[in-house]
Amino acid sequence: MRRVCFLLKVRQERLAEYRERHEAVWPEMLDALSAAGWHNYSLFLREDGLLVGYLETEDFAAAQAAMAATDVNARWQAEMAPFFENEGGFEALDGAKPDEAMTPLTEVFHLA
């Protein structure tokens, strides 16, 4: 199982609503993530909008592709996009959409 960690940036004025949305993630979205191979998936949010994501999966590229192929992910991403947009586009890393900006960080240490 591969451990994956990524960073994104949520618009600071939308932090409360972003938290609320994640208290009630659609059941079909949860099912799709599990079916696509996303395990132990967590999001951590700092008050300045820094979002840290962590998940475990056998193949991250395959897990991303499986989610990208689902209708529920397209709907979820459309609803979540405003949390990351600014006047010039997306605040997410490298100007990509949130679900496309999940660039894994390099692991430098792990204590099992």
Protein backbone atom coordinates (compact mmCIF):
# COMPACT_ATOMS: atom_id res chain seq x y z
CA MET A 1 0.00 0.00 0.00
CA ARG A 2 1.39 3.41 -0.94
CA ARG A 3 0.94 6.39 1.39
CA VAL A 4 0.13 9.62 -0.49
CA CYS A 5 0.14 13.15 0.92
CA PHE A 6 -0.77 16.30 -1.01
CA LEU A 7 -1.39 20.01 -0.40
CA LEU A 8 -4.10 22.33 -1.69
CA LYS A 9 -5.29 25.81 -0.71
CA VAL A 10 -8.91 26.57 0.21
CA ARG A 11 -10.16 30.16 -0.02
CA GLN A 12 -9.97 31.49 3.51
CA GLU A 13 -13.41 33.12 3.42
CA ARG A 14 -14.97 29.72 2.57
CA LEU A 15 -13.32 27.60 5.28
CA ALA A 16 -16.43 27.18 7.44
CA GLU A 17 -18.57 26.07 4.52
CA TYR A 18 -15.82 23.75 3.27
CA ARG A 19 -15.78 22.06 6.67
CA GLU A 20 -19.59 21.77 6.65
CA ARG A 21 -19.59 20.17 3.20
CA HIS A 22 -17.15 17.53 4.41
CA GLU A 23 -19.32 16.69 7.41
CA ALA A 24 -21.89 15.36 4.94
CA VAL A 25 -20.00 13.89 1.98
CA TRP A 26 -22.47 12.19 -0.35
CA PRO A 27 -22.72 8.43 0.30
CA GLU A 28 -22.24 7.72 -3.42
CA MET A 29 -19.01 9.77 -3.35
CA LEU A 30 -17.74 7.75 -0.39
CA ASP A 31 -18.64 4.52 -2.21
CA ALA A 32 -16.87 5.69 -5.38
CA LEU A 33 -13.70 6.58 -3.47
CA SER A 34 -13.63 3.17 -1.80
CA ALA A 35 -14.32 1.36 -5.08
CA ALA A 36 -11.53 3.33 -6.78
CA GLY A 37 -9.01 2.19 -4.18
CA TRP A 38 -8.81 5.21 -1.86
CA HIS A 39 -8.21 4.00 1.72
CA ASN A 40 -7.54 5.85 5.00
CA TYR A 41 -8.34 9.09 3.18
CA SER A 42 -8.13 12.15 5.44
CA LEU A 43 -8.18 15.90 4.92
CA PHE A 44 -6.66 18.33 7.42
CA LEU A 45 -7.40 22.05 7.18
CA ARG A 46 -5.40 24.90 8.69
CA GLU A 47 -6.98 28.28 9.48
CA ASP A 48 -5.12 30.00 6.62
CA GLY A 49 -6.69 27.56 4.14
CA LEU A 50 -3.81 25.13 3.78
CA LEU A 51 -5.38 21.73 3.09
CA VAL A 52 -3.34 18.58 3.67
CA GLY A 53 -4.67 15.36 2.20
CA TYR A 54 -3.55 11.85 3.06
CA LEU A 55 -4.60 8.52 1.61
CA GLU A 56 -3.37 5.02 1.08
CA THR A 57 -3.76 3.20 -2.23
CA GLU A 58 -2.12 0.49 -4.30
CA ASP A 59 -1.73 2.76 -7.35
CA PHE A 60 -2.40 6.50 -7.00
CA ALA A 61 -2.56 7.20 -10.74
CA ALA A 62 -5.07 4.37 -11.20
CA ALA A 63 -7.10 5.54 -8.19
CA GLN A 64 -7.24 9.09 -9.59
CA ALA A 65 -8.21 7.82 -13.04
CA ALA A 66 -10.95 5.62 -11.60
CA MET A 67 -12.44 8.60 -9.78
CA ALA A 68 -12.12 10.86 -12.84
CA ALA A 69 -14.24 8.35 -14.76
CA THR A 70 -17.20 8.63 -12.36
CA ASP A 71 -20.18 10.92 -12.71
CA VAL A 72 -20.32 11.52 -8.96
CA ASN A 73 -16.76 12.87 -8.96
CA ALA A 74 -17.58 15.29 -11.79
CA ARG A 75 -20.56 16.58 -9.79
CA TRP A 76 -18.56 16.78 -6.54
CA GLN A 77 -15.68 18.64 -8.22
CA ALA A 78 -18.10 21.11 -9.80
CA GLU A 79 -19.55 21.85 -6.35
CA MET A 80 -16.13 22.09 -4.68
CA ALA A 81 -14.42 24.23 -7.35
CA PRO A 82 -15.63 27.56 -5.88
CA PHE A 83 -13.77 26.77 -2.66
CA PHE A 84 -10.51 26.88 -4.59
CA GLU A 85 -11.20 29.52 -7.26
CA ASN A 86 -10.03 33.08 -7.25
CA GLU A 87 -10.26 35.84 -9.86
CA GLY A 88 -7.40 34.39 -11.88
CA GLY A 89 -8.56 30.76 -11.76
CA PHE A 90 -7.80 28.07 -9.26
CA GLU A 91 -5.68 28.62 -6.15
CA ALA A 92 -4.78 24.94 -6.24
CA LEU A 93 -1.21 23.95 -6.94
CA ASP A 94 0.09 24.78 -10.41
CA GLY A 95 -3.22 26.35 -11.43
CA ALA A 96 -4.91 22.96 -11.84
CA LYS A 97 -8.38 21.98 -10.67
CA PRO A 98 -8.46 20.64 -7.11
CA ASP A 99 -8.75 16.96 -8.03
CA GLU A 100 -6.02 17.37 -10.66
CA ALA A 101 -3.65 19.20 -8.29
CA MET A 102 -3.13 16.33 -5.89
CA THR A 103 0.60 16.11 -6.56
CA PRO A 104 2.05 13.66 -4.04
CA LEU A 105 4.71 15.02 -1.73
CA THR A 106 7.95 13.06 -1.43
CA GLU A 107 8.05 11.00 1.72
CA VAL A 108 11.30 11.54 3.59
CA PHE A 109 10.56 9.67 6.81
CA HIS A 110 8.11 7.07 8.12
CA LEU A 111 7.95 5.35 11.49
CA ALA A 112 5.89 2.17 11.26
